[in-house]
PDB file of N, CA and C in Angstrom:
ATOM      1  N   UNK A   1      14.458-124.564 -51.764  1.00  0.00           N
ATOM      2  CA  UNK A   1      13.546-125.641 -51.924  1.00  0.00           C
ATOM      3  C   UNK A   1      13.735-126.694 -52.561  1.00  0.00           C
ATOM      4  N   UNK A   2      13.530-127.905 -51.977  1.00  0.00           N
ATOM      5  CA  UNK A   2      14.204-129.337 -52.689  1.00  0.00           C
ATOM      6  C   UNK A   2      13.150-129.741 -53.679  1.00  0.00           C
ATOM      7  N   UNK A   3      13.829-129.940 -55.154  1.00  0.00           N
ATOM      8  CA  UNK A   3      13.316-130.362 -56.152  1.00  0.00           C
ATOM      9  C   UNK A   3      13.468-132.034 -56.071  1.00  0.00           C
ATOM     10  N   UNK A   4      12.556-132.350 -56.289  1.00  0.00           N
ATOM     11  CA  UNK A   4      12.536-134.301 -56.470  1.00  0.00           C
ATOM     12  C   UNK A   4      12.488-134.493 -57.975  1.00  0.00           C
ATOM     13  N   UNK A   5      13.089-135.246 -58.552  1.00  0.00           N
ATOM     14  CA  UNK A   5      13.033-136.159 -59.400  1.00  0.00           C
ATOM     15  C   UNK A   5      12.924-137.503 -59.391  1.00  0.00           C
ATOM     16  N   UNK A   6      11.732-137.817 -60.036  1.00  0.00           N
ATOM     17  CA  UNK A   6      11.669-139.130 -59.408  1.00  0.00           C
ATOM     18  C   UNK A   6      10.519-139.690 -60.833  1.00  0.00           C
ATOM     19  N   UNK A   7      10.269-141.276 -60.670  1.00  0.00           N
ATOM     20  CA  UNK A   7       9.911-141.917 -61.816  1.00  0.00           C
ATOM     21  C   UNK A   7       8.423-141.934 -60.827  1.00  0.00           C
ATOM     22  N   UNK A   8       7.376-141.825 -61.671  1.00  0.00           N
ATOM     23  CA  UNK A   8       6.254-142.533 -61.339  1.00  0.00           C
ATOM     24  C   UNK A   8       5.683-143.449 -61.869  1.00  0.00           C
ATOM     25  N   UNK A   9       4.830-144.348 -61.043  1.00  0.00           N
ATOM     26  CA  UNK A   9       4.357-145.614 -62.043  1.00  0.00           C
ATOM     27  C   UNK A   9       2.838-144.842 -62.612  1.00  0.00           C
ATOM     28  N   UNK A  10       2.494-145.474 -64.003  1.00  0.00           N
ATOM     29  CA  UNK A  10       1.472-145.198 -64.937  1.00  0.00           C
ATOM     30  C   UNK A  10       0.057-145.183 -63.664  1.00  0.00           C
ATOM     31  N   UNK A  11       0.332-146.559 -63.304  1.00  0.00           N
ATOM     32  CA  UNK A  11      -0.669-146.739 -62.419  1.00  0.00           C
ATOM     33  C   UNK A  11      -1.021-145.969 -60.982  1.00  0.00           C
ATOM     34  N   UNK A  12      -0.088-145.294 -60.936  1.00  0.00           N
ATOM     35  CA  UNK A  12      -0.250-144.399 -59.799  1.00  0.00           C
ATOM     36  C   UNK A  12      -0.336-145.479 -58.517  1.00  0.00           C
ATOM     37  N   UNK A  13       0.753-146.549 -58.178  1.00  0.00           N
ATOM     38  CA  UNK A  13       0.620-147.504 -57.474  1.00  0.00           C
ATOM     39  C   UNK A  13       2.342-147.426 -56.883  1.00  0.00           C
ATOM     40  N   UNK A  14       2.996-146.401 -56.826  1.00  0.00           N
ATOM     41  CA  UNK A  14       4.467-145.944 -56.399  1.00  0.00           C
ATOM     42  C   UNK A  14       5.075-144.826 -57.154  1.00  0.00           C
ATOM     43  N   UNK A  15       6.129-144.436 -56.328  1.00  0.00           N
ATOM     44  CA  UNK A  15       7.282-143.504 -56.907  1.00  0.00           C
ATOM     45  C   UNK A  15       8.872-144.574 -56.631  1.00  0.00           C
ATOM     46  N   UNK A  16       9.870-143.818 -57.550  1.00  0.00           N
ATOM     47  CA  UNK A  16      10.987-144.408 -57.352  1.00  0.00           C
ATOM     48  C   UNK A  16      11.601-142.355 -57.327  1.00  0.00           C
ATOM     49  N   UNK A  17      12.335-142.611 -56.087  1.00  0.00           N
ATOM     50  CA  UNK A  17      13.131-140.874 -56.391  1.00  0.00           C
ATOM     51  C   UNK A  17      14.103-141.405 -56.819  1.00  0.00           C
ATOM     52  N   UNK A  18      14.446-140.363 -57.909  1.00  0.00           N
ATOM     53  CA  UNK A  18      16.098-140.757 -58.636  1.00  0.00           C
ATOM     54  C   UNK A  18      17.051-139.252 -57.832  1.00  0.00           C
ATOM     55  N   UNK A  19      16.584-138.327 -57.789  1.00  0.00           N
ATOM     56  CA  UNK A  19      17.865-137.322 -56.849  1.00  0.00           C
ATOM     57  C   UNK A  19      16.832-136.170 -56.390  1.00  0.00           C
ATOM     58  N   UNK A  20      17.344-135.882 -55.611  1.00  0.00           N
ATOM     59  CA  UNK A  20      17.447-134.375 -54.978  1.00  0.00           C
ATOM     60  C   UNK A  20      18.095-133.356 -55.537  1.00  0.00           C
ATOM     61  N   UNK A  21      17.537-132.256 -56.049  1.00  0.00           N
ATOM     62  CA  UNK A  21      17.925-131.054 -56.927  1.00  0.00           C
ATOM     63  C   UNK A  21      18.186-130.130 -55.622  1.00  0.00           C
ATOM     64  N   UNK A  22      18.358-128.783 -56.084  1.00  0.00           N
ATOM     65  CA  UNK A  22      17.846-127.610 -55.116  1.00  0.00           C
ATOM     66  C   UNK A  22      17.506-126.560 -56.541  1.00  0.00           C
ATOM     67  N   UNK A  23      16.610-125.553 -56.141  1.00  0.00           N
ATOM     68  CA  UNK A  23      16.056-124.893 -57.215  1.00  0.00           C
ATOM     69  C   UNK A  23      15.378-123.671 -56.542  1.00  0.00           C
ATOM     70  N   UNK A  24      15.046-122.798 -57.288  1.00  0.00           N
ATOM     71  CA  UNK A  24      14.356-121.453 -56.350  1.00  0.00           C
ATOM     72  C   UNK A  24      13.138-121.202 -56.876  1.00  0.00           C
ATOM     73  N   UNK A  25      13.312-122.084 -58.466  1.00  0.00           N
ATOM     74  CA  UNK A  25      11.664-121.852 -59.114  1.00  0.00           C
ATOM     75  C   UNK A  25      11.132-123.359 -58.781  1.00  0.00           C
ATOM     76  N   UNK A  26       9.499-122.762 -58.502  1.00  0.00           N
ATOM     77  CA  UNK A  26       8.572-123.659 -58.220  1.00  0.00           C
ATOM     78  C   UNK A  26       8.620-124.901 -59.529  1.00  0.00           C
ATOM     79  N   UNK A  27       8.618-125.857 -59.399  1.00  0.00           N
ATOM     80  CA  UNK A  27       8.371-126.875 -60.463  1.00  0.00           C
ATOM     81  C   UNK A  27       7.458-127.816 -60.023  1.00  0.00           C
ATOM     82  N   UNK A  28       6.989-128.352 -61.353  1.00  0.00           N
ATOM     83  CA  UNK A  28       5.947-129.582 -61.130  1.00  0.00           C
ATOM     84  C   UNK A  28       5.575-130.140 -62.618  1.00  0.00           C
ATOM     85  N   UNK A  29       5.622-131.382 -62.831  1.00  0.00           N
ATOM     86  CA  UNK A  29       5.152-131.824 -63.925  1.00  0.00           C
ATOM     87  C   UNK A  29       6.051-132.928 -64.700  1.00  0.00           C
ATOM     88  N   UNK A  30       5.478-133.405 -65.604  1.00  0.00           N
ATOM     89  CA  UNK A  30       6.392-134.638 -66.445  1.00  0.00           C
ATOM     90  C   UNK A  30       7.228-133.987 -67.328  1.00  0.00           C
ATOM     91  N   UNK A  31       8.098-134.919 -67.248  1.00  0.00           N
ATOM     92  CA  UNK A  31       9.582-134.102 -67.926  1.00  0.00           C
ATOM     93  C   UNK A  31       9.629-135.252 -68.975  1.00  0.00           C
ATOM     94  N   UNK A  32       9.803-134.186 -70.121  1.00  0.00           N
ATOM     95  CA  UNK A  32       9.638-134.829 -71.634  1.00  0.00           C
ATOM     96  C   UNK A  32      11.000-134.946 -72.158  1.00  0.00           C
ATOM     97  N   UNK A  33      11.573-133.858 -71.859  1.00  0.00           N
ATOM     98  CA  UNK A  33      12.958-133.344 -72.170  1.00  0.00           C
ATOM     99  C   UNK A  33      14.033-133.320 -71.293  1.00  0.00           C
ATOM    100  N   UNK A  34      15.051-133.786 -70.847  1.00  0.00           N
ATOM    101  CA  UNK A  34      16.045-133.454 -69.801  1.00  0.00           C
ATOM    102  C   UNK A  34      16.732-132.413 -69.792  1.00  0.00           C
ATOM    103  N   UNK A  35      16.943-131.988 -71.541  1.00  0.00           N
ATOM    104  CA  UNK A  35      17.286-130.396 -71.493  1.00  0.00           C
ATOM    105  C   UNK A  35      17.291-129.676 -70.578  1.00  0.00           C
ATOM    106  N   UNK A  36      15.931-129.555 -70.559  1.00  0.00           N
ATOM    107  CA  UNK A  36      15.301-128.041 -69.578  1.00  0.00           C
ATOM    108  C   UNK A  36      15.434-128.316 -68.214  1.00  0.00           C
ATOM    109  N   UNK A  37      16.168-129.667 -67.760  1.00  0.00           N
ATOM    110  CA  UNK A  37      16.576-129.295 -66.147  1.00  0.00           C
ATOM    111  C   UNK A  37      17.945-129.243 -66.143  1.00  0.00           C
ATOM    112  N   UNK A  38      18.627-128.648 -67.310  1.00  0.00           N
ATOM    113  CA  UNK A  38      20.208-128.311 -67.052  1.00  0.00           C
ATOM    114  C   UNK A  38      20.777-129.481 -66.297  1.00  0.00           C
ATOM    115  N   UNK A  39      20.804-130.295 -66.742  1.00  0.00           N
ATOM    116  CA  UNK A  39      21.834-131.370 -65.484  1.00  0.00           C
ATOM    117  C   UNK A  39      23.402-131.472 -66.347  1.00  0.00           C
ATOM    118  N   UNK A  40      24.171-131.711 -65.520  1.00  0.00           N
ATOM    119  CA  UNK A  40      25.690-132.149 -66.410  1.00  0.00           C
ATOM    120  C   UNK A  40      25.392-133.401 -67.307  1.00  0.00           C
ATOM    121  N   UNK A  41      26.072-133.382 -68.171  1.00  0.00           N
ATOM    122  CA  UNK A  41      25.743-134.145 -69.280  1.00  0.00           C
ATOM    123  C   UNK A  41      26.268-135.883 -68.406  1.00  0.00           C
ATOM    124  N   UNK A  42      26.872-136.118 -67.428  1.00  0.00           N
ATOM    125  CA  UNK A  42      27.030-137.458 -67.229  1.00  0.00           C
ATOM    126  C   UNK A  42      25.742-137.830 -66.447  1.00  0.00           C
ATOM    127  N   UNK A  43      25.187-136.632 -65.376  1.00  0.00           N
ATOM    128  CA  UNK A  43      23.778-136.936 -64.497  1.00  0.00           C
ATOM    129  C   UNK A  43      22.920-137.310 -65.518  1.00  0.00           C
ATOM    130  N   UNK A  44      23.062-136.310 -67.045  1.00  0.00           N
ATOM    131  CA  UNK A  44      21.791-136.450 -67.757  1.00  0.00           C
ATOM    132  C   UNK A  44      21.156-137.930 -68.653  1.00  0.00           C
ATOM    133  N   UNK A  45      22.979-138.523 -68.913  1.00  0.00           N
ATOM    134  CA  UNK A  45      22.668-139.631 -69.543  1.00  0.00           C
ATOM    135  C   UNK A  45      22.178-140.875 -68.302  1.00  0.00           C
ATOM    136  N   UNK A  46      22.819-140.818 -67.620  1.00  0.00           N
ATOM    137  CA  UNK A  46      22.427-141.770 -66.073  1.00  0.00           C
ATOM    138  C   UNK A  46      20.841-141.364 -66.353  1.00  0.00           C
ATOM    139  N   UNK A  47      20.127-140.419 -66.039  1.00  0.00           N
ATOM    140  CA  UNK A  47      19.344-139.941 -65.623  1.00  0.00           C
ATOM    141  C   UNK A  47      18.375-140.976 -67.288  1.00  0.00           C
ATOM    142  N   UNK A  48      18.691-140.268 -68.151  1.00  0.00           N
ATOM    143  CA  UNK A  48      18.096-141.122 -69.179  1.00  0.00           C
ATOM    144  C   UNK A  48      18.037-142.729 -69.582  1.00  0.00           C
ATOM    145  N   UNK A  49      19.210-143.207 -69.141  1.00  0.00           N
ATOM    146  CA  UNK A  49      19.335-144.473 -69.074  1.00  0.00           C
ATOM    147  C   UNK A  49      18.334-145.007 -67.972  1.00  0.00           C
ATOM    148  N   UNK A  50      18.068-144.663 -66.692  1.00  0.00           N
ATOM    149  CA  UNK A  50      16.956-145.199 -66.260  1.00  0.00           C
ATOM    150  C   UNK A  50      15.676-144.915 -66.713  1.00  0.00           C
ATOM    151  N   UNK A  51      15.681-144.002 -67.197  1.00  0.00           N
ATOM    152  CA  UNK A  51      14.027-143.975 -67.816  1.00  0.00           C
ATOM    153  C   UNK A  51      13.892-144.489 -68.862  1.00  0.00           C
ATOM    154  N   UNK A  52      14.543-144.712 -69.827  1.00  0.00           N
ATOM    155  CA  UNK A  52      14.895-145.814 -70.673  1.00  0.00           C
ATOM    156  C   UNK A  52      14.470-146.967 -70.409  1.00  0.00           C
ATOM    157  N   UNK A  53      15.058-147.604 -69.418  1.00  0.00           N
ATOM    158  CA  UNK A  53      14.899-149.263 -68.912  1.00  0.00           C
ATOM    159  C   UNK A  53      13.740-149.252 -68.425  1.00  0.00           C
ATOM    160  N   UNK A  54      12.632-148.335 -67.681  1.00  0.00           N
ATOM    161  CA  UNK A  54      11.753-148.172 -66.991  1.00  0.00           C
ATOM    162  C   UNK A  54      10.164-147.597 -67.837  1.00  0.00           C
ATOM    163  N   UNK A  55      11.021-147.276 -69.220  1.00  0.00           N
ATOM    164  CA  UNK A  55      10.045-146.647 -69.553  1.00  0.00           C
ATOM    165  C   UNK A  55       8.329-146.841 -70.324  1.00  0.00           C
ATOM    166  N   UNK A  56       8.072-148.373 -69.655  1.00  0.00           N
ATOM    167  CA  UNK A  56       6.837-149.321 -69.919  1.00  0.00           C
ATOM    168  C   UNK A  56       5.813-149.080 -68.675  1.00  0.00           C
ATOM    169  N   UNK A  57       6.476-148.794 -67.764  1.00  0.00           N
ATOM    170  CA  UNK A  57       5.293-148.725 -66.665  1.00  0.00           C
ATOM    171  C   UNK A  57       5.689-147.118 -65.849  1.00  0.00           C
ATOM    172  N   UNK A  58       6.851-146.396 -66.064  1.00  0.00           N
ATOM    173  CA  UNK A  58       7.234-145.723 -65.259  1.00  0.00           C
ATOM    174  C   UNK A  58       7.464-144.650 -66.435  1.00  0.00           C
ATOM    175  N   UNK A  59       6.977-143.102 -65.872  1.00  0.00           N
ATOM    176  CA  UNK A  59       7.197-141.805 -66.139  1.00  0.00           C
ATOM    177  C   UNK A  59       8.147-140.929 -65.281  1.00  0.00           C
ATOM    178  N   UNK A  60       8.998-140.012 -66.425  1.00  0.00           N
ATOM    179  CA  UNK A  60       9.876-139.108 -64.951  1.00  0.00           C
ATOM    180  C   UNK A  60       8.914-137.680 -64.948  1.00  0.00           C
ATOM    181  N   UNK A  61       9.287-137.367 -63.237  1.00  0.00           N
ATOM    182  CA  UNK A  61       8.421-136.332 -62.868  1.00  0.00           C
ATOM    183  C   UNK A  61       9.182-135.552 -62.481  1.00  0.00           C
ATOM    184  N   UNK A  62       9.294-134.256 -62.303  1.00  0.00           N
ATOM    185  CA  UNK A  62       9.966-133.291 -61.216  1.00  0.00           C
ATOM    186  C   UNK A  62       9.142-132.353 -60.431  1.00  0.00           C
ATOM    187  N   UNK A  63       8.987-132.192 -59.248  1.00  0.00           N
ATOM    188  CA  UNK A  63       8.334-131.525 -58.294  1.00  0.00           C
ATOM    189  C   UNK A  63       9.039-130.965 -57.204  1.00  0.00           C
ATOM    190  N   UNK A  64       8.398-129.706 -56.977  1.00  0.00           N
ATOM    191  CA  UNK A  64       9.106-129.118 -55.553  1.00  0.00           C
ATOM    192  C   UNK A  64       8.318-129.224 -54.299  1.00  0.00           C
ATOM    193  N   UNK A  65       8.964-129.683 -53.609  1.00  0.00           N
ATOM    194  CA  UNK A  65       8.343-129.523 -52.126  1.00  0.00           C
ATOM    195  C   UNK A  65       8.985-128.953 -51.249  1.00  0.00           C
ATOM    196  N   UNK A  66       8.659-129.053 -50.127  1.00  0.00           N
ATOM    197  CA  UNK A  66       9.843-128.400 -48.703  1.00  0.00           C
ATOM    198  C   UNK A  66      10.635-129.619 -48.224  1.00  0.00           C
ATOM    199  N   UNK A  67       9.738-130.586 -48.340  1.00  0.00           N
ATOM    200  CA  UNK A  67      10.283-131.912 -47.808  1.00  0.00           C
ATOM    201  C   UNK A  67       9.689-133.255 -48.198  1.00  0.00           C
ATOM    202  N   UNK A  68       9.987-133.872 -48.464  1.00  0.00           N
ATOM    203  CA  UNK A  68       9.598-135.412 -48.620  1.00  0.00           C
ATOM    204  C   UNK A  68       8.119-135.575 -48.157  1.00  0.00           C
ATOM    205  N   UNK A  69       8.036-135.567 -47.053  1.00  0.00           N
ATOM    206  CA  UNK A  69       6.722-135.742 -46.142  1.00  0.00           C
ATOM    207  C   UNK A  69       5.596-134.689 -47.045  1.00  0.00           C
ATOM    208  N   UNK A  70       6.245-133.654 -47.363  1.00  0.00           N
ATOM    209  CA  UNK A  70       5.266-132.708 -48.081  1.00  0.00           C
ATOM    210  C   UNK A  70       4.825-133.427 -49.207  1.00  0.00           C
ATOM    211  N   UNK A  71       5.769-133.736 -49.971  1.00  0.00           N
ATOM    212  CA  UNK A  71       5.936-134.337 -51.399  1.00  0.00           C
ATOM    213  C   UNK A  71       4.965-135.665 -51.273  1.00  0.00           C
ATOM    214  N   UNK A  72       5.014-136.141 -50.307  1.00  0.00           N
ATOM    215  CA  UNK A  72       4.537-137.533 -50.018  1.00  0.00           C
ATOM    216  C   UNK A  72       2.834-137.227 -49.833  1.00  0.00           C
ATOM    217  N   UNK A  73       2.424-136.260 -49.360  1.00  0.00           N
ATOM    218  CA  UNK A  73       1.180-135.874 -48.790  1.00  0.00           C
ATOM    219  C   UNK A  73       0.670-135.625 -50.213  1.00  0.00           C
ATOM    220  N   UNK A  74       1.478-134.827 -50.794  1.00  0.00           N
ATOM    221  CA  UNK A  74       0.676-134.124 -52.029  1.00  0.00           C
ATOM    222  C   UNK A  74       0.293-135.388 -53.092  1.00  0.00           C
ATOM    223  N   UNK A  75       1.361-135.979 -52.926  1.00  0.00           N
ATOM    224  CA  UNK A  75       1.172-137.295 -53.926  1.00  0.00           C
ATOM    225  C   UNK A  75       0.175-138.459 -53.620  1.00  0.00           C
ATOM    226  N   UNK A  76      -0.661-138.647 -52.497  1.00  0.00           N
ATOM    227  CA  UNK A  76      -1.303-139.177 -51.665  1.00  0.00           C
ATOM    228  C   UNK A  76      -2.785-138.367 -52.044  1.00  0.00           C
ATOM    229  N   UNK A  77      -2.377-137.443 -52.047  1.00  0.00           N
ATOM    230  CA  UNK A  77      -3.818-136.402 -52.741  1.00  0.00           C
ATOM    231  C   UNK A  77      -4.265-136.612 -53.837  1.00  0.00           C
ATOM    232  N   UNK A  78      -3.375-136.783 -54.312  1.00  0.00           N
ATOM    233  CA  UNK A  78      -3.960-137.125 -56.110  1.00  0.00           C
ATOM    234  C   UNK A  78      -3.974-138.438 -56.550  1.00  0.00           C
ATOM    235  N   UNK A  79      -3.952-139.404 -55.113  1.00  0.00           N
ATOM    236  CA  UNK A  79      -4.456-140.566 -55.901  1.00  0.00           C
ATOM    237  C   UNK A  79      -2.694-141.606 -55.472  1.00  0.00           C
ATOM    238  N   UNK A  80      -1.875-141.727 -55.591  1.00  0.00           N
ATOM    239  CA  UNK A  80      -1.142-142.647 -55.335  1.00  0.00           C
ATOM    240  C   UNK A  80      -0.965-143.142 -54.142  1.00  0.00           C
ATOM    241  N   UNK A  81      -0.333-144.411 -54.365  1.00  0.00           N
ATOM    242  CA  UNK A  81      -0.597-145.324 -53.055  1.00  0.00           C
ATOM    243  C   UNK A  81       0.974-146.327 -53.317  1.00  0.00           C
ATOM    244  N   UNK A  82       0.909-146.891 -51.752  1.00  0.00           N
ATOM    245  CA  UNK A  82       2.257-147.827 -51.839  1.00  0.00           C
ATOM    246  C   UNK A  82       3.539-146.622 -51.983  1.00  0.00           C
ATOM    247  N   UNK A  83       3.564-145.367 -51.394  1.00  0.00           N
ATOM    248  CA  UNK A  83       4.953-144.735 -51.541  1.00  0.00           C
ATOM    249  C   UNK A  83       5.943-145.157 -50.539  1.00  0.00           C
ATOM    250  N   UNK A  84       7.555-144.721 -50.834  1.00  0.00           N
ATOM    251  CA  UNK A  84       8.377-145.349 -49.961  1.00  0.00           C
ATOM    252  C   UNK A  84       8.220-144.495 -48.897  1.00  0.00           C
ATOM    253  N   UNK A  85       8.712-145.216 -47.406  1.00  0.00           N
ATOM    254  CA  UNK A  85       8.771-143.992 -46.389  1.00  0.00           C
ATOM    255  C   UNK A  85       9.717-143.506 -46.389  1.00  0.00           C
ATOM    256  N   UNK A  86      10.627-143.711 -47.300  1.00  0.00           N
ATOM    257  CA  UNK A  86      12.194-142.639 -47.029  1.00  0.00           C
ATOM    258  C   UNK A  86      12.218-141.915 -48.565  1.00  0.00           C
ATOM    259  N   UNK A  87      13.128-141.101 -48.521  1.00  0.00           N
ATOM    260  CA  UNK A  87      13.157-140.497 -49.798  1.00  0.00           C
ATOM    261  C   UNK A  87      14.914-140.717 -50.410  1.00  0.00           C
ATOM    262  N   UNK A  88      15.655-141.799 -50.040  1.00  0.00           N
ATOM    263  CA  UNK A  88      16.442-142.182 -50.311  1.00  0.00           C
ATOM    264  C   UNK A  88      16.865-142.163 -51.987  1.00  0.00           C
ATOM    265  N   UNK A  89      17.669-141.471 -52.239  1.00  0.00           N
ATOM    266  CA  UNK A  89      17.553-141.363 -53.912  1.00  0.00           C
ATOM    267  C   UNK A  89      18.216-142.546 -54.801  1.00  0.00           C
ATOM    268  N   UNK A  90      17.942-142.982 -55.875  1.00  0.00           N
ATOM    269  CA  UNK A  90      18.736-144.048 -56.612  1.00  0.00           C
ATOM    270  C   UNK A  90      20.127-143.455 -56.957  1.00  0.00           C
ATOM    271  N   UNK A  91      20.159-142.381 -57.798  1.00  0.00           N
ATOM    272  CA  UNK A  91      21.403-141.636 -57.816  1.00  0.00           C
ATOM    273  C   UNK A  91      21.980-140.935 -56.772  1.00  0.00           C
ATOM    274  N   UNK A  92      23.451-141.348 -56.319  1.00  0.00           N
ATOM    275  CA  UNK A  92      23.783-140.958 -55.381  1.00  0.00           C
ATOM    276  C   UNK A  92      24.811-139.712 -55.947  1.00  0.00           C
ATOM    277  N   UNK A  93      24.843-138.597 -54.849  1.00  0.00           N
ATOM    278  CA  UNK A  93      25.800-137.709 -55.408  1.00  0.00           C
ATOM    279  C   UNK A  93      24.954-136.178 -55.622  1.00  0.00           C
ATOM    280  N   UNK A  94      23.751-136.455 -55.792  1.00  0.00           N
ATOM    281  CA  UNK A  94      23.051-135.302 -56.240  1.00  0.00           C
ATOM    282  C   UNK A  94      22.315-134.585 -54.852  1.00  0.00           C
ATOM    283  N   UNK A  95      22.591-134.185 -54.564  1.00  0.00           N
ATOM    284  CA  UNK A  95      22.020-133.722 -52.911  1.00  0.00           C
ATOM    285  C   UNK A  95      21.581-132.413 -52.908  1.00  0.00           C
ATOM    286  N   UNK A  96      20.472-131.853 -52.557  1.00  0.00           N
ATOM    287  CA  UNK A  96      19.865-130.705 -52.022  1.00  0.00           C
ATOM    288  C   UNK A  96      20.477-129.866 -51.518  1.00  0.00           C
ATOM    289  N   UNK A  97      21.356-130.358 -50.723  1.00  0.00           N
ATOM    290  CA  UNK A  97      22.669-128.857 -50.416  1.00  0.00           C
ATOM    291  C   UNK A  97      23.829-128.310 -51.394  1.00  0.00           C
ATOM    292  N   UNK A  98      23.598-129.077 -52.259  1.00  0.00           N
ATOM    293  CA  UNK A  98      24.510-128.574 -53.534  1.00  0.00           C
ATOM    294  C   UNK A  98      24.295-127.607 -54.065  1.00  0.00           C
ATOM    295  N   UNK A  99      24.481-126.429 -54.073  1.00  0.00           N
ATOM    296  CA  UNK A  99      24.126-125.220 -54.912  1.00  0.00           C
ATOM    297  C   UNK A  99      24.294-125.195 -56.266  1.00  0.00           C
ATOM    298  N   UNK A 100      25.690-125.689 -56.187  1.00  0.00           N
ATOM    299  CA  UNK A 100      26.442-125.912 -57.963  1.00  0.00           C
ATOM    300  C   UNK A 100      26.567-127.317 -58.177  1.00  0.00           C
ATOM    301  N   UNK A 101      26.190-128.023 -59.290  1.00  0.00           N
ATOM    302  CA  UNK A 101      26.289-129.880 -59.284  1.00  0.00           C
ATOM    303  C   UNK A 101      27.542-129.898 -59.760  1.00  0.00           C
ATOM    304  N   UNK A 102      28.413-130.762 -59.153  1.00  0.00           N
ATOM    305  CA  UNK A 102      29.670-131.024 -59.646  1.00  0.00           C
ATOM    306  C   UNK A 102      29.894-131.724 -60.783  1.00  0.00           C
ATOM    307  N   UNK A 103      30.819-131.801 -61.793  1.00  0.00           N
ATOM    308  CA  UNK A 103      30.930-132.318 -62.818  1.00  0.00           C
ATOM    309  C   UNK A 103      31.541-133.739 -62.894  1.00  0.00           C
ATOM    310  N   UNK A 104      32.054-134.107 -61.910  1.00  0.00           N
ATOM    311  CA  UNK A 104      32.310-135.518 -61.602  1.00  0.00           C
ATOM    312  C   UNK A 104      31.831-136.612 -62.248  1.00  0.00           C
ATOM    313  N   UNK A 105      32.170-137.326 -62.885  1.00  0.00           N
ATOM    314  CA  UNK A 105      31.325-138.355 -63.429  1.00  0.00           C
ATOM    315  C   UNK A 105      31.366-139.492 -62.902  1.00  0.00           C
ATOM    316  N   UNK A 106      32.111-139.763 -61.748  1.00  0.00           N
ATOM    317  CA  UNK A 106      32.268-140.700 -60.704  1.00  0.00           C
ATOM    318  C   UNK A 106      31.681-140.275 -59.335  1.00  0.00           C
ATOM    319  N   UNK A 107      31.109-139.201 -58.877  1.00  0.00           N
ATOM    320  CA  UNK A 107      30.261-138.466 -57.794  1.00  0.00           C
ATOM    321  C   UNK A 107      28.919-139.136 -57.663  1.00  0.00           C
ATOM    322  N   UNK A 108      28.514-140.023 -58.727  1.00  0.00           N
ATOM    323  CA  UNK A 108      27.549-140.816 -58.420  1.00  0.00           C
ATOM    324  C   UNK A 108      27.313-141.808 -59.056  1.00  0.00           C
ATOM    325  N   UNK A 109      26.544-143.099 -58.236  1.00  0.00           N
ATOM    326  CA  UNK A 109      26.443-144.634 -58.920  1.00  0.00           C
ATOM    327  C   UNK A 109      24.932-144.471 -58.715  1.00  0.00           C
ATOM    328  N   UNK A 110      24.392-145.576 -59.497  1.00  0.00           N
ATOM    329  CA  UNK A 110      23.021-145.957 -58.783  1.00  0.00           C
ATOM    330  C   UNK A 110      22.840-147.265 -57.803  1.00  0.00           C
ATOM    331  N   UNK A 111      22.070-146.906 -56.648  1.00  0.00           N
ATOM    332  CA  UNK A 111      22.199-148.411 -55.699  1.00  0.00           C
ATOM    333  C   UNK A 111      22.066-149.455 -56.256  1.00  0.00           C
ATOM    334  N   UNK A 112      22.875-150.440 -55.709  1.00  0.00           N
ATOM    335  CA  UNK A 112      22.438-151.763 -55.822  1.00  0.00           C
ATOM    336  C   UNK A 112      21.532-152.509 -55.170  1.00  0.00           C
ATOM    337  N   UNK A 113      20.330-153.210 -56.054  1.00  0.00           N
ATOM    338  CA  UNK A 113      19.284-153.491 -55.127  1.00  0.00           C
ATOM    339  C   UNK A 113      19.371-155.015 -54.746  1.00  0.00           C
ATOM    340  N   UNK A 114      19.993-155.410 -55.652  1.00  0.00           N
ATOM    341  CA  UNK A 114      20.395-156.795 -55.341  1.00  0.00           C
ATOM    342  C   UNK A 114      21.448-157.277 -55.959  1.00  0.00           C
ATOM    343  N   UNK A 115      21.929-158.373 -55.345  1.00  0.00           N
ATOM    344  CA  UNK A 115      23.273-159.550 -56.092  1.00  0.00           C
ATOM    345  C   UNK A 115      22.937-160.450 -56.645  1.00  0.00           C
ATOM    346  N   UNK A 116      23.503-160.130 -57.650  1.00  0.00           N
ATOM    347  CA  UNK A 116      23.292-161.319 -58.968  1.00  0.00           C
ATOM    348  C   UNK A 116      24.633-162.452 -58.895  1.00  0.00           C
ATOM    349  N   UNK A 117      24.053-163.447 -59.162  1.00  0.00           N
ATOM    350  CA  UNK A 117      25.309-164.683 -59.001  1.00  0.00           C
ATOM    351  C   UNK A 117      25.899-164.729 -60.692  1.00  0.00           C
ATOM    352  N   UNK A 118      27.462-164.728 -60.619  1.00  0.00           N
ATOM    353  CA  UNK A 118      27.641-165.063 -62.033  1.00  0.00           C
ATOM    354  C   UNK A 118      27.738-166.548 -62.351  1.00  0.00           C
ATOM    355  N   UNK A 119      27.830-166.781 -63.628  1.00  0.00           N
ATOM    356  CA  UNK A 119      27.965-168.665 -64.213  1.00  0.00           C
ATOM    357  C   UNK A 119      29.201-168.550 -63.652  1.00  0.00           C
ATOM    358  N   UNK A 120      28.831-169.983 -63.510  1.00  0.00           N
ATOM    359  CA  UNK A 120      29.979-170.866 -62.663  1.00  0.00           C
ATOM    360  C   UNK A 120      30.862-171.235 -63.654  1.00  0.00           C
TER     361      UNK A 120
END
């Protein structure tokens, strides 16, 4: 089963998928302690950084679903709106097909959402 690690907006107007994981356990709920997820240290620190930067409007959640379509349907029934049409994760390199998560620090990078110009 796929486990989706995502940030949910506190006013239920959207989500940001951070990663796709794989687990045999059924998981659902708000994540208050990242140590419970048993992520590699490099990934844990990256997720912690993303959560810290978005802490005012977003909360970290984890949920098991058969597909993104099933997750989206469940979230719509809970009152979420403006959900993304795709499940492209922010952190690359964490795939649902990976049974064992690699320890390579360079294997994941956040996707860049805009280009910023430097000062001239």
